[in-house]
C-alpha atoms as a PDB file:
ATOM      1  CA  UNK A   1     103.554 -68.828 -77.147  1.00  0.00           C
ATOM      2  CA  UNK A   2     102.547 -72.161 -75.769  1.00  0.00           C
ATOM      3  CA  UNK A   3      98.958 -72.653 -74.462  1.00  0.00           C
ATOM      4  CA  UNK A   4      97.224 -75.201 -71.993  1.00  0.00           C
ATOM      5  CA  UNK A   5      95.995 -77.067 -75.182  1.00  0.00           C
ATOM      6  CA  UNK A   6      99.657 -77.538 -76.221  1.00  0.00           C
ATOM      7  CA  UNK A   7     100.567 -78.761 -72.637  1.00  0.00           C
ATOM      8  CA  UNK A   8      97.380 -81.082 -72.585  1.00  0.00           C
ATOM      9  CA  UNK A   9      98.285 -82.761 -76.140  1.00  0.00           C
ATOM     10  CA  UNK A  10     101.766 -83.171 -75.306  1.00  0.00           C
ATOM     11  CA  UNK A  11     100.778 -84.923 -71.839  1.00  0.00           C
ATOM     12  CA  UNK A  12      98.061 -86.757 -73.350  1.00  0.00           C
ATOM     13  CA  UNK A  13      95.571 -85.401 -70.745  1.00  0.00           C
ATOM     14  CA  UNK A  14      92.422 -83.128 -70.819  1.00  0.00           C
ATOM     15  CA  UNK A  15      92.890 -79.364 -70.454  1.00  0.00           C
ATOM     16  CA  UNK A  16      90.812 -79.446 -67.368  1.00  0.00           C
ATOM     17  CA  UNK A  17      93.270 -81.743 -65.674  1.00  0.00           C
ATOM     18  CA  UNK A  18      96.365 -79.889 -66.892  1.00  0.00           C
ATOM     19  CA  UNK A  19      94.991 -76.563 -65.928  1.00  0.00           C
ATOM     20  CA  UNK A  20      93.823 -78.026 -62.524  1.00  0.00           C
ATOM     21  CA  UNK A  21      97.476 -79.235 -61.882  1.00  0.00           C
ATOM     22  CA  UNK A  22      99.258 -76.184 -62.858  1.00  0.00           C
ATOM     23  CA  UNK A  23      97.206 -74.100 -60.539  1.00  0.00           C
ATOM     24  CA  UNK A  24      98.584 -76.096 -57.648  1.00  0.00           C
ATOM     25  CA  UNK A  25      95.370 -78.090 -57.077  1.00  0.00           C
ATOM     26  CA  UNK A  26      97.250 -81.568 -57.128  1.00  0.00           C
ATOM     27  CA  UNK A  27      95.631 -83.338 -54.326  1.00  0.00           C
ATOM     28  CA  UNK A  28      93.185 -85.594 -56.355  1.00  0.00           C
ATOM     29  CA  UNK A  29      96.180 -86.494 -58.738  1.00  0.00           C
ATOM     30  CA  UNK A  30      98.928 -89.082 -58.482  1.00  0.00           C
ATOM     31  CA  UNK A  31     102.489 -87.918 -58.179  1.00  0.00           C
ATOM     32  CA  UNK A  32     103.293 -89.475 -61.657  1.00  0.00           C
ATOM     33  CA  UNK A  33     100.479 -87.469 -63.183  1.00  0.00           C
ATOM     34  CA  UNK A  34     101.538 -84.232 -61.697  1.00  0.00           C
ATOM     35  CA  UNK A  35     105.192 -84.750 -62.785  1.00  0.00           C
ATOM     36  CA  UNK A  36     104.045 -85.683 -66.345  1.00  0.00           C
ATOM     37  CA  UNK A  37     102.065 -82.345 -66.490  1.00  0.00           C
ATOM     38  CA  UNK A  38     105.036 -80.379 -65.355  1.00  0.00           C
ATOM     39  CA  UNK A  39     107.215 -82.055 -67.722  1.00  0.00           C
ATOM     40  CA  UNK A  40     105.136 -81.508 -70.631  1.00  0.00           C
ATOM     41  CA  UNK A  41     104.647 -77.605 -69.555  1.00  0.00           C
ATOM     42  CA  UNK A  42     108.610 -77.551 -69.657  1.00  0.00           C
ATOM     43  CA  UNK A  43     108.767 -79.236 -72.868  1.00  0.00           C
ATOM     44  CA  UNK A  44     106.456 -76.898 -74.783  1.00  0.00           C
ATOM     45  CA  UNK A  45     107.585 -73.858 -72.955  1.00  0.00           C
ATOM     46  CA  UNK A  46     104.552 -72.841 -71.221  1.00  0.00           C
ATOM     47  CA  UNK A  47     104.451 -69.921 -68.909  1.00  0.00           C
ATOM     48  CA  UNK A  48     101.520 -69.484 -66.664  1.00  0.00           C
ATOM     49  CA  UNK A  49      99.669 -66.051 -67.160  1.00  0.00           C
ATOM     50  CA  UNK A  50      99.623 -64.504 -63.822  1.00  0.00           C
ATOM     51  CA  UNK A  51      97.610 -61.461 -64.643  1.00  0.00           C
ATOM     52  CA  UNK A  52      94.884 -63.718 -66.195  1.00  0.00           C
ATOM     53  CA  UNK A  53      94.783 -65.995 -63.262  1.00  0.00           C
ATOM     54  CA  UNK A  54      94.214 -63.015 -60.976  1.00  0.00           C
ATOM     55  CA  UNK A  55      91.378 -61.633 -63.184  1.00  0.00           C
ATOM     56  CA  UNK A  56      89.561 -65.020 -62.823  1.00  0.00           C
ATOM     57  CA  UNK A  57      89.621 -64.308 -59.164  1.00  0.00           C
ATOM     58  CA  UNK A  58      88.261 -61.047 -59.720  1.00  0.00           C
ATOM     59  CA  UNK A  59      91.520 -58.955 -59.114  1.00  0.00           C
ATOM     60  CA  UNK A  60      94.844 -58.119 -60.729  1.00  0.00           C
ATOM     61  CA  UNK A  61      97.282 -58.969 -58.180  1.00  0.00           C
ATOM     62  CA  UNK A  62      98.796 -55.663 -58.280  1.00  0.00           C
ATOM     63  CA  UNK A  63      99.137 -52.834 -55.824  1.00  0.00           C
ATOM     64  CA  UNK A  64      99.860 -49.282 -57.150  1.00  0.00           C
ATOM     65  CA  UNK A  65     102.503 -47.125 -54.908  1.00  0.00           C
ATOM     66  CA  UNK A  66     101.720 -43.485 -55.792  1.00  0.00           C
ATOM     67  CA  UNK A  67     105.027 -41.626 -54.613  1.00  0.00           C
ATOM     68  CA  UNK A  68     105.315 -37.899 -54.500  1.00  0.00           C
ATOM     69  CA  UNK A  69     108.104 -36.609 -56.203  1.00  0.00           C
ATOM     70  CA  UNK A  70     108.792 -34.363 -53.352  1.00  0.00           C
ATOM     71  CA  UNK A  71     110.010 -37.235 -51.100  1.00  0.00           C
ATOM     72  CA  UNK A  72     113.544 -37.213 -50.003  1.00  0.00           C
ATOM     73  CA  UNK A  73     116.282 -39.300 -51.505  1.00  0.00           C
ATOM     74  CA  UNK A  74     116.800 -41.039 -48.263  1.00  0.00           C
ATOM     75  CA  UNK A  75     113.316 -41.836 -47.958  1.00  0.00           C
ATOM     76  CA  UNK A  76     113.133 -43.041 -51.553  1.00  0.00           C
ATOM     77  CA  UNK A  77     116.063 -45.364 -51.513  1.00  0.00           C
ATOM     78  CA  UNK A  78     114.879 -47.258 -48.431  1.00  0.00           C
ATOM     79  CA  UNK A  79     111.076 -47.367 -49.328  1.00  0.00           C
ATOM     80  CA  UNK A  80     111.651 -48.655 -52.981  1.00  0.00           C
ATOM     81  CA  UNK A  81     113.619 -51.383 -51.484  1.00  0.00           C
ATOM     82  CA  UNK A  82     111.232 -52.377 -48.761  1.00  0.00           C
ATOM     83  CA  UNK A  83     107.662 -52.001 -50.180  1.00  0.00           C
ATOM     84  CA  UNK A  84     108.186 -54.526 -53.425  1.00  0.00           C
ATOM     85  CA  UNK A  85     109.573 -57.058 -50.925  1.00  0.00           C
ATOM     86  CA  UNK A  86     106.491 -56.737 -48.514  1.00  0.00           C
ATOM     87  CA  UNK A  87     104.050 -56.703 -51.549  1.00  0.00           C
ATOM     88  CA  UNK A  88     105.575 -60.013 -52.879  1.00  0.00           C
ATOM     89  CA  UNK A  89     105.561 -61.633 -49.522  1.00  0.00           C
ATOM     90  CA  UNK A  90     101.772 -60.850 -49.356  1.00  0.00           C
ATOM     91  CA  UNK A  91     101.318 -62.389 -52.930  1.00  0.00           C
ATOM     92  CA  UNK A  92     101.249 -59.122 -54.879  1.00  0.00           C
ATOM     93  CA  UNK A  93     103.330 -57.205 -57.366  1.00  0.00           C
ATOM     94  CA  UNK A  94     104.139 -53.447 -56.698  1.00  0.00           C
ATOM     95  CA  UNK A  95     103.728 -50.850 -59.505  1.00  0.00           C
ATOM     96  CA  UNK A  96     105.198 -47.417 -58.773  1.00  0.00           C
ATOM     97  CA  UNK A  97     103.782 -44.244 -60.207  1.00  0.00           C
ATOM     98  CA  UNK A  98     105.663 -41.205 -59.080  1.00  0.00           C
ATOM     99  CA  UNK A  99     103.527 -37.909 -59.482  1.00  0.00           C
ATOM    100  CA  UNK A 100     103.987 -34.420 -59.013  1.00  0.00           C
ATOM    101  CA  UNK A 101     102.084 -32.985 -55.918  1.00  0.00           C
ATOM    102  CA  UNK A 102      99.194 -31.306 -57.849  1.00  0.00           C
ATOM    103  CA  UNK A 103      98.600 -34.803 -59.672  1.00  0.00           C
ATOM    104  CA  UNK A 104      97.306 -36.046 -56.172  1.00  0.00           C
ATOM    105  CA  UNK A 105      94.370 -33.508 -56.313  1.00  0.00           C
ATOM    106  CA  UNK A 106      90.965 -35.389 -56.432  1.00  0.00           C
ATOM    107  CA  UNK A 107      90.104 -33.788 -59.704  1.00  0.00           C
ATOM    108  CA  UNK A 108      93.775 -34.426 -61.407  1.00  0.00           C
ATOM    109  CA  UNK A 109      94.233 -38.096 -60.028  1.00  0.00           C
ATOM    110  CA  UNK A 110      95.088 -39.730 -63.460  1.00  0.00           C
ATOM    111  CA  UNK A 111      96.283 -42.856 -61.584  1.00  0.00           C
ATOM    112  CA  UNK A 112      92.312 -43.551 -60.862  1.00  0.00           C
ATOM    113  CA  UNK A 113      91.577 -43.918 -64.749  1.00  0.00           C
ATOM    114  CA  UNK A 114      91.636 -47.343 -65.624  1.00  0.00           C
ATOM    115  CA  UNK A 115      91.494 -49.971 -62.670  1.00  0.00           C
ATOM    116  CA  UNK A 116      94.757 -51.965 -63.450  1.00  0.00           C
ATOM    117  CA  UNK A 117      95.388 -52.634 -59.653  1.00  0.00           C
ATOM    118  CA  UNK A 118      93.792 -53.910 -56.612  1.00  0.00           C
ATOM    119  CA  UNK A 119      94.606 -51.220 -54.047  1.00  0.00           C
ATOM    120  CA  UNK A 120      96.657 -48.168 -53.488  1.00  0.00           C
ATOM    121  CA  UNK A 121      99.447 -47.118 -51.133  1.00  0.00           C
ATOM    122  CA  UNK A 122      99.564 -43.127 -51.212  1.00  0.00           C
ATOM    123  CA  UNK A 123     102.550 -41.127 -50.165  1.00  0.00           C
ATOM    124  CA  UNK A 124     102.292 -37.280 -50.599  1.00  0.00           C
ATOM    125  CA  UNK A 125     104.294 -34.941 -48.642  1.00  0.00           C
ATOM    126  CA  UNK A 126     102.571 -31.638 -49.658  1.00  0.00           C
ATOM    127  CA  UNK A 127      98.924 -32.246 -48.956  1.00  0.00           C
ATOM    128  CA  UNK A 128      96.916 -30.446 -46.537  1.00  0.00           C
ATOM    129  CA  UNK A 129      94.375 -32.074 -44.408  1.00  0.00           C
ATOM    130  CA  UNK A 130      91.509 -30.798 -46.772  1.00  0.00           C
ATOM    131  CA  UNK A 131      93.307 -32.047 -49.699  1.00  0.00           C
ATOM    132  CA  UNK A 132      93.742 -35.648 -48.204  1.00  0.00           C
ATOM    133  CA  UNK A 133      89.850 -35.413 -47.150  1.00  0.00           C
ATOM    134  CA  UNK A 134      88.921 -34.801 -50.718  1.00  0.00           C
ATOM    135  CA  UNK A 135      91.095 -37.705 -52.074  1.00  0.00           C
ATOM    136  CA  UNK A 136      89.541 -40.083 -49.435  1.00  0.00           C
ATOM    137  CA  UNK A 137      86.330 -39.126 -50.695  1.00  0.00           C
ATOM    138  CA  UNK A 138      87.325 -39.731 -54.442  1.00  0.00           C
ATOM    139  CA  UNK A 139      88.860 -42.978 -53.858  1.00  0.00           C
ATOM    140  CA  UNK A 140      85.954 -44.261 -51.574  1.00  0.00           C
ATOM    141  CA  UNK A 141      83.655 -43.258 -54.313  1.00  0.00           C
ATOM    142  CA  UNK A 142      85.858 -45.297 -56.862  1.00  0.00           C
ATOM    143  CA  UNK A 143      85.604 -48.377 -54.641  1.00  0.00           C
ATOM    144  CA  UNK A 144      89.620 -48.798 -54.511  1.00  0.00           C
ATOM    145  CA  UNK A 145      90.802 -49.749 -51.015  1.00  0.00           C
ATOM    146  CA  UNK A 146      93.805 -47.537 -50.073  1.00  0.00           C
ATOM    147  CA  UNK A 147      96.289 -46.937 -47.249  1.00  0.00           C
ATOM    148  CA  UNK A 148      98.069 -43.709 -46.616  1.00  0.00           C
ATOM    149  CA  UNK A 149     101.883 -44.452 -46.290  1.00  0.00           C
ATOM    150  CA  UNK A 150     103.873 -41.996 -44.109  1.00  0.00           C
ATOM    151  CA  UNK A 151     100.974 -39.800 -43.394  1.00  0.00           C
ATOM    152  CA  UNK A 152      99.572 -39.047 -39.941  1.00  0.00           C
ATOM    153  CA  UNK A 153      95.657 -39.966 -40.669  1.00  0.00           C
ATOM    154  CA  UNK A 154      93.237 -41.273 -38.028  1.00  0.00           C
ATOM    155  CA  UNK A 155      92.133 -44.116 -40.323  1.00  0.00           C
ATOM    156  CA  UNK A 156      94.017 -46.217 -42.887  1.00  0.00           C
ATOM    157  CA  UNK A 157      97.609 -45.094 -42.286  1.00  0.00           C
ATOM    158  CA  UNK A 158     100.760 -46.519 -41.187  1.00  0.00           C
ATOM    159  CA  UNK A 159     103.324 -43.813 -40.195  1.00  0.00           C
ATOM    160  CA  UNK A 160     106.421 -43.318 -37.939  1.00  0.00           C
ATOM    161  CA  UNK A 161     105.825 -41.993 -34.620  1.00  0.00           C
ATOM    162  CA  UNK A 162     107.314 -38.774 -35.222  1.00  0.00           C
ATOM    163  CA  UNK A 163     105.898 -37.077 -32.092  1.00  0.00           C
ATOM    164  CA  UNK A 164     107.268 -39.687 -29.520  1.00  0.00           C
ATOM    165  CA  UNK A 165     110.630 -40.052 -31.314  1.00  0.00           C
ATOM    166  CA  UNK A 166     111.168 -36.224 -31.286  1.00  0.00           C
ATOM    167  CA  UNK A 167     110.153 -36.069 -27.624  1.00  0.00           C
ATOM    168  CA  UNK A 168     112.539 -38.791 -26.702  1.00  0.00           C
ATOM    169  CA  UNK A 169     115.444 -37.237 -28.924  1.00  0.00           C
ATOM    170  CA  UNK A 170     115.028 -33.982 -26.878  1.00  0.00           C
ATOM    171  CA  UNK A 171     115.188 -35.679 -23.636  1.00  0.00           C
ATOM    172  CA  UNK A 172     118.150 -37.944 -24.810  1.00  0.00           C
ATOM    173  CA  UNK A 173     120.218 -34.896 -25.949  1.00  0.00           C
ATOM    174  CA  UNK A 174     119.852 -33.497 -22.658  1.00  0.00           C
ATOM    175  CA  UNK A 175     120.714 -36.728 -20.788  1.00  0.00           C
ATOM    176  CA  UNK A 176     123.807 -36.964 -23.194  1.00  0.00           C
ATOM    177  CA  UNK A 177     125.171 -33.728 -21.875  1.00  0.00           C
ATOM    178  CA  UNK A 178     123.850 -31.202 -24.485  1.00  0.00           C
ATOM    179  CA  UNK A 179     122.861 -27.811 -23.131  1.00  0.00           C
ATOM    180  CA  UNK A 180     122.637 -25.594 -26.163  1.00  0.00           C
ATOM    181  CA  UNK A 181     121.528 -27.089 -29.559  1.00  0.00           C
ATOM    182  CA  UNK A 182     120.928 -25.537 -32.961  1.00  0.00           C
ATOM    183  CA  UNK A 183     118.052 -26.830 -34.862  1.00  0.00           C
ATOM    184  CA  UNK A 184     118.357 -26.691 -38.788  1.00  0.00           C
ATOM    185  CA  UNK A 185     115.325 -27.611 -40.621  1.00  0.00           C
ATOM    186  CA  UNK A 186     111.932 -26.979 -42.394  1.00  0.00           C
ATOM    187  CA  UNK A 187     109.764 -24.332 -41.077  1.00  0.00           C
ATOM    188  CA  UNK A 188     107.018 -26.042 -38.875  1.00  0.00           C
ATOM    189  CA  UNK A 189     104.423 -24.477 -41.250  1.00  0.00           C
ATOM    190  CA  UNK A 190     104.899 -27.279 -43.830  1.00  0.00           C
ATOM    191  CA  UNK A 191     102.043 -29.358 -44.656  1.00  0.00           C
ATOM    192  CA  UNK A 192     103.607 -32.798 -43.932  1.00  0.00           C
ATOM    193  CA  UNK A 193     103.201 -33.987 -40.384  1.00  0.00           C
ATOM    194  CA  UNK A 194     106.960 -34.890 -39.797  1.00  0.00           C
ATOM    195  CA  UNK A 195     108.226 -31.441 -40.039  1.00  0.00           C
ATOM    196  CA  UNK A 196     105.743 -30.016 -37.780  1.00  0.00           C
ATOM    197  CA  UNK A 197     105.987 -32.858 -35.176  1.00  0.00           C
ATOM    198  CA  UNK A 198     109.839 -33.052 -35.394  1.00  0.00           C
ATOM    199  CA  UNK A 199     110.194 -29.280 -34.590  1.00  0.00           C
ATOM    200  CA  UNK A 200     107.480 -29.064 -31.733  1.00  0.00           C
ATOM    201  CA  UNK A 201     108.403 -32.397 -30.008  1.00  0.00           C
ATOM    202  CA  UNK A 202     112.207 -31.508 -30.102  1.00  0.00           C
ATOM    203  CA  UNK A 203     111.976 -27.991 -28.725  1.00  0.00           C
ATOM    204  CA  UNK A 204     109.365 -28.874 -26.314  1.00  0.00           C
ATOM    205  CA  UNK A 205     111.076 -31.621 -24.833  1.00  0.00           C
ATOM    206  CA  UNK A 206     114.605 -30.144 -24.756  1.00  0.00           C
ATOM    207  CA  UNK A 207     113.427 -26.640 -23.432  1.00  0.00           C
ATOM    208  CA  UNK A 208     111.425 -28.468 -20.852  1.00  0.00           C
ATOM    209  CA  UNK A 209     114.812 -29.962 -19.575  1.00  0.00           C
ATOM    210  CA  UNK A 210     116.151 -26.273 -19.557  1.00  0.00           C
ATOM    211  CA  UNK A 211     118.117 -26.835 -22.657  1.00  0.00           C
ATOM    212  CA  UNK A 212     118.817 -23.433 -24.543  1.00  0.00           C
ATOM    213  CA  UNK A 213     117.308 -23.500 -28.149  1.00  0.00           C
ATOM    214  CA  UNK A 214     118.706 -21.807 -31.387  1.00  0.00           C
ATOM    215  CA  UNK A 215     117.015 -22.434 -34.760  1.00  0.00           C
ATOM    216  CA  UNK A 216     117.731 -21.980 -38.409  1.00  0.00           C
ATOM    217  CA  UNK A 217     114.355 -22.433 -40.549  1.00  0.00           C
ATOM    218  CA  UNK A 218     113.255 -22.100 -44.085  1.00  0.00           C
ATOM    219  CA  UNK A 219     110.117 -22.907 -45.714  1.00  0.00           C
ATOM    220  CA  UNK A 220     109.939 -26.164 -47.879  1.00  0.00           C
ATOM    221  CA  UNK A 221     110.168 -25.360 -51.500  1.00  0.00           C
ATOM    222  CA  UNK A 222     109.014 -27.966 -53.923  1.00  0.00           C
ATOM    223  CA  UNK A 223     111.653 -26.621 -56.518  1.00  0.00           C
ATOM    224  CA  UNK A 224     114.542 -28.714 -55.358  1.00  0.00           C
ATOM    225  CA  UNK A 225     117.313 -26.412 -57.110  1.00  0.00           C
ATOM    226  CA  UNK A 226     115.875 -23.275 -55.517  1.00  0.00           C
ATOM    227  CA  UNK A 227     115.271 -24.762 -52.211  1.00  0.00           C
ATOM    228  CA  UNK A 228     118.827 -25.861 -52.061  1.00  0.00           C
ATOM    229  CA  UNK A 229     120.122 -22.306 -53.061  1.00  0.00           C
ATOM    230  CA  UNK A 230     117.802 -20.840 -50.267  1.00  0.00           C
ATOM    231  CA  UNK A 231     119.314 -23.277 -47.546  1.00  0.00           C
ATOM    232  CA  UNK A 232     122.808 -22.388 -48.888  1.00  0.00           C
ATOM    233  CA  UNK A 233     122.330 -18.708 -48.507  1.00  0.00           C
ATOM    234  CA  UNK A 234     120.630 -19.180 -45.016  1.00  0.00           C
ATOM    235  CA  UNK A 235     123.514 -21.386 -43.579  1.00  0.00           C
ATOM    236  CA  UNK A 236     126.443 -19.048 -44.687  1.00  0.00           C
ATOM    237  CA  UNK A 237     125.179 -16.712 -42.148  1.00  0.00           C
ATOM    238  CA  UNK A 238     126.132 -19.531 -39.367  1.00  0.00           C
ATOM    239  CA  UNK A 239     129.786 -19.285 -40.033  1.00  0.00           C
ATOM    240  CA  UNK A 240     131.448 -18.409 -36.599  1.00  0.00           C
ATOM    241  CA  UNK A 241     134.806 -19.622 -35.522  1.00  0.00           C
ATOM    242  CA  UNK A 242     133.216 -20.178 -31.959  1.00  0.00           C
ATOM    243  CA  UNK A 243     129.552 -21.386 -32.467  1.00  0.00           C
ATOM    244  CA  UNK A 244     127.497 -21.165 -29.280  1.00  0.00           C
ATOM    245  CA  UNK A 245     126.141 -24.491 -29.450  1.00  0.00           C
ATOM    246  CA  UNK A 246     127.060 -27.924 -28.356  1.00  0.00           C
ATOM    247  CA  UNK A 247     124.968 -29.913 -30.867  1.00  0.00           C
ATOM    248  CA  UNK A 248     123.175 -29.615 -34.093  1.00  0.00           C
ATOM    249  CA  UNK A 249     119.961 -31.283 -35.045  1.00  0.00           C
ATOM    250  CA  UNK A 250     118.662 -31.526 -38.736  1.00  0.00           C
ATOM    251  CA  UNK A 251     115.118 -32.224 -39.495  1.00  0.00           C
ATOM    252  CA  UNK A 252     116.367 -34.066 -42.718  1.00  0.00           C
ATOM    253  CA  UNK A 253     119.563 -35.767 -43.300  1.00  0.00           C
ATOM    254  CA  UNK A 254     120.109 -34.071 -46.767  1.00  0.00           C
ATOM    255  CA  UNK A 255     120.756 -30.876 -44.866  1.00  0.00           C
ATOM    256  CA  UNK A 256     123.870 -32.136 -42.995  1.00  0.00           C
ATOM    257  CA  UNK A 257     126.027 -32.200 -46.324  1.00  0.00           C
ATOM    258  CA  UNK A 258     125.031 -28.653 -47.079  1.00  0.00           C
ATOM    259  CA  UNK A 259     125.771 -27.658 -43.710  1.00  0.00           C
ATOM    260  CA  UNK A 260     129.172 -28.879 -43.722  1.00  0.00           C
ATOM    261  CA  UNK A 261     129.921 -27.339 -47.252  1.00  0.00           C
ATOM    262  CA  UNK A 262     128.556 -23.945 -46.280  1.00  0.00           C
ATOM    263  CA  UNK A 263     129.376 -23.479 -42.599  1.00  0.00           C
ATOM    264  CA  UNK A 264     132.225 -26.221 -42.367  1.00  0.00           C
ATOM    265  CA  UNK A 265     133.119 -29.050 -39.974  1.00  0.00           C
ATOM    266  CA  UNK A 266     132.903 -28.461 -36.371  1.00  0.00           C
ATOM    267  CA  UNK A 267     134.010 -30.364 -33.381  1.00  0.00           C
ATOM    268  CA  UNK A 268     130.228 -30.972 -32.553  1.00  0.00           C
ATOM    269  CA  UNK A 269     128.274 -34.159 -32.686  1.00  0.00           C
ATOM    270  CA  UNK A 270     125.493 -34.120 -35.435  1.00  0.00           C
ATOM    271  CA  UNK A 271     121.979 -35.561 -35.253  1.00  0.00           C
ATOM    272  CA  UNK A 272     119.351 -35.938 -37.849  1.00  0.00           C
ATOM    273  CA  UNK A 273     115.752 -37.139 -38.028  1.00  0.00           C
ATOM    274  CA  UNK A 274     115.488 -40.111 -40.524  1.00  0.00           C
ATOM    275  CA  UNK A 275     119.166 -40.705 -40.338  1.00  0.00           C
ATOM    276  CA  UNK A 276     120.431 -43.253 -42.963  1.00  0.00           C
ATOM    277  CA  UNK A 277     121.131 -46.590 -41.728  1.00  0.00           C
ATOM    278  CA  UNK A 278     124.409 -46.988 -42.944  1.00  0.00           C
ATOM    279  CA  UNK A 279     127.329 -44.538 -43.775  1.00  0.00           C
ATOM    280  CA  UNK A 280     126.487 -41.659 -45.876  1.00  0.00           C
ATOM    281  CA  UNK A 281     129.936 -40.211 -46.885  1.00  0.00           C
ATOM    282  CA  UNK A 282     132.178 -39.742 -44.011  1.00  0.00           C
ATOM    283  CA  UNK A 283     129.425 -38.947 -41.456  1.00  0.00           C
ATOM    284  CA  UNK A 284     128.785 -40.980 -38.439  1.00  0.00           C
ATOM    285  CA  UNK A 285     124.966 -40.591 -37.991  1.00  0.00           C
ATOM    286  CA  UNK A 286     123.397 -40.095 -34.810  1.00  0.00           C
ATOM    287  CA  UNK A 287     119.613 -39.165 -34.132  1.00  0.00           C
ATOM    288  CA  UNK A 288     116.396 -41.074 -35.173  1.00  0.00           C
ATOM    289  CA  UNK A 289     116.504 -43.995 -37.397  1.00  0.00           C
ATOM    290  CA  UNK A 290     112.982 -44.880 -38.674  1.00  0.00           C
ATOM    291  CA  UNK A 291     112.262 -48.574 -39.326  1.00  0.00           C
ATOM    292  CA  UNK A 292     111.219 -48.115 -42.881  1.00  0.00           C
ATOM    293  CA  UNK A 293     111.271 -52.005 -43.384  1.00  0.00           C
ATOM    294  CA  UNK A 294     108.479 -52.249 -40.894  1.00  0.00           C
ATOM    295  CA  UNK A 295     106.526 -49.375 -41.886  1.00  0.00           C
ATOM    296  CA  UNK A 296     106.408 -50.810 -45.439  1.00  0.00           C
ATOM    297  CA  UNK A 297     105.344 -54.362 -44.349  1.00  0.00           C
ATOM    298  CA  UNK A 298     102.662 -53.010 -42.049  1.00  0.00           C
ATOM    299  CA  UNK A 299     101.193 -50.686 -44.657  1.00  0.00           C
ATOM    300  CA  UNK A 300     100.957 -53.668 -47.215  1.00  0.00           C
ATOM    301  CA  UNK A 301      99.419 -55.746 -44.636  1.00  0.00           C
ATOM    302  CA  UNK A 302      97.036 -53.378 -43.906  1.00  0.00           C
ATOM    303  CA  UNK A 303      95.982 -52.914 -47.488  1.00  0.00           C
ATOM    304  CA  UNK A 304      95.755 -56.522 -47.967  1.00  0.00           C
ATOM    305  CA  UNK A 305      93.478 -56.734 -44.933  1.00  0.00           C
ATOM    306  CA  UNK A 306      91.296 -53.975 -46.345  1.00  0.00           C
ATOM    307  CA  UNK A 307      91.066 -55.833 -49.727  1.00  0.00           C
ATOM    308  CA  UNK A 308      89.937 -58.921 -47.842  1.00  0.00           C
ATOM    309  CA  UNK A 309      87.218 -56.976 -46.054  1.00  0.00           C
ATOM    310  CA  UNK A 310      85.794 -54.989 -48.990  1.00  0.00           C
ATOM    311  CA  UNK A 311      87.426 -51.888 -48.146  1.00  0.00           C
ATOM    312  CA  UNK A 312      86.415 -51.807 -44.398  1.00  0.00           C
ATOM    313  CA  UNK A 313      88.466 -49.070 -42.701  1.00  0.00           C
ATOM    314  CA  UNK A 314      91.323 -49.966 -40.236  1.00  0.00           C
ATOM    315  CA  UNK A 315      92.910 -48.062 -37.371  1.00  0.00           C
ATOM    316  CA  UNK A 316      95.985 -46.398 -38.183  1.00  0.00           C
ATOM    317  CA  UNK A 317      99.195 -47.621 -36.981  1.00  0.00           C
ATOM    318  CA  UNK A 318     102.435 -45.585 -35.786  1.00  0.00           C
ATOM    319  CA  UNK A 319     105.540 -47.234 -35.237  1.00  0.00           C
ATOM    320  CA  UNK A 320     108.488 -45.858 -32.883  1.00  0.00           C
ATOM    321  CA  UNK A 321     112.018 -45.522 -34.365  1.00  0.00           C
ATOM    322  CA  UNK A 322     115.414 -46.030 -32.746  1.00  0.00           C
ATOM    323  CA  UNK A 323     117.640 -43.508 -31.404  1.00  0.00           C
ATOM    324  CA  UNK A 324     121.458 -43.406 -31.399  1.00  0.00           C
ATOM    325  CA  UNK A 325     123.824 -41.091 -29.329  1.00  0.00           C
ATOM    326  CA  UNK A 326     127.587 -41.047 -29.601  1.00  0.00           C
ATOM    327  CA  UNK A 327     128.135 -42.543 -26.291  1.00  0.00           C
ATOM    328  CA  UNK A 328     125.134 -44.932 -26.008  1.00  0.00           C
ATOM    329  CA  UNK A 329     123.851 -47.680 -27.848  1.00  0.00           C
ATOM    330  CA  UNK A 330     120.241 -46.165 -28.060  1.00  0.00           C
ATOM    331  CA  UNK A 331     117.034 -45.460 -26.082  1.00  0.00           C
END
C-alpha cells in the first residue's frame, strides 16, 4: 500500500508538504503545487486513511447505532436508509449493531467494550424506565455521549410526537365521519412509549367526541413467531359478516396484513400508526406517517452537538407526524 513517503518521493517534495496538501490545507501553496501532489498520489495509488486521520483529532469518525432486534420491519427499513445518510452529512460513518433486548442491560452491554466509536444512538423498544436510567448511568460513567432514538426521555432523546399525533388522529376520525372504530394493537402495558400513547391518546380523543370504541389487544411478545400466532388466534374471533364498526385502526402496520388474512377484506377504511410511506401490497394507507428522515437527522445533529460540548446534555425533541384520511389531504 502506498504511503505519504511514496507520494513525496514521486512529487519531489517533503512529506510535510504532501501531508498538508492532502489534508486539504492548500491556502499557502500555489495551484500548480497542489495539482502535482494530487497527481503524484494518484500515480502511486495512495488512499488516505480516514480512520487514522480521525484518531489524530482524538476521534474515530464513527457513530454506533444500537438497534433492538425487536423493532418492526417498517421502522427498520426507513431508519436504515435515513440514519447513514444523516451521519455522512455530519461527517461521520455509521456502524450498526443489532442486539437482543437483554444485551442492552448495563451489565451486559457488550458494545461498550472497546471504544471504536465516538458516540451512540440507542434504540430499544422493550426497556423499562428503570433500565434506561441504568443504561444512562453506565454510558455517563464511560464518558461516551449518547442519544436515545425513538424513545421518550426528558433529555438526550429524539422521538415522534406519539401523544399529539394520536390525539389528532382521534379527532380527525370523528371529523371524517367515523362513529364506531375498532382498535387492533398492542396492549398499553408494553414498555415502549408508542404502544401506550397511541392507545391512550386515540381512545381519549375519539371517545371525547362521543365516538364508540372497541378494541382487540394482545401483549407484545418478543418471540416474533409466537406473537404472530397469538395475533392470528385473536383476530379469527373478529370474523363477522356485519361488523359493528365503520373504521379499523392498527397500532402498527404489520397488523393490517394479518387482519386481512384472518378476518378478510371489508368495505371499511383502514388506518395505521407509523403507516408505510408508499404502497405496501394493495393497501392504500391512511393514518399517521412519521417523518423518520427528519427524526434521524435531528438525532444525529443532537449527538454531534453533544460530542462538541464534551457530552453536555441536550433537551429532548419530539417531532409531529402527518395524518392522512381518505377524503382529505391531511391535517
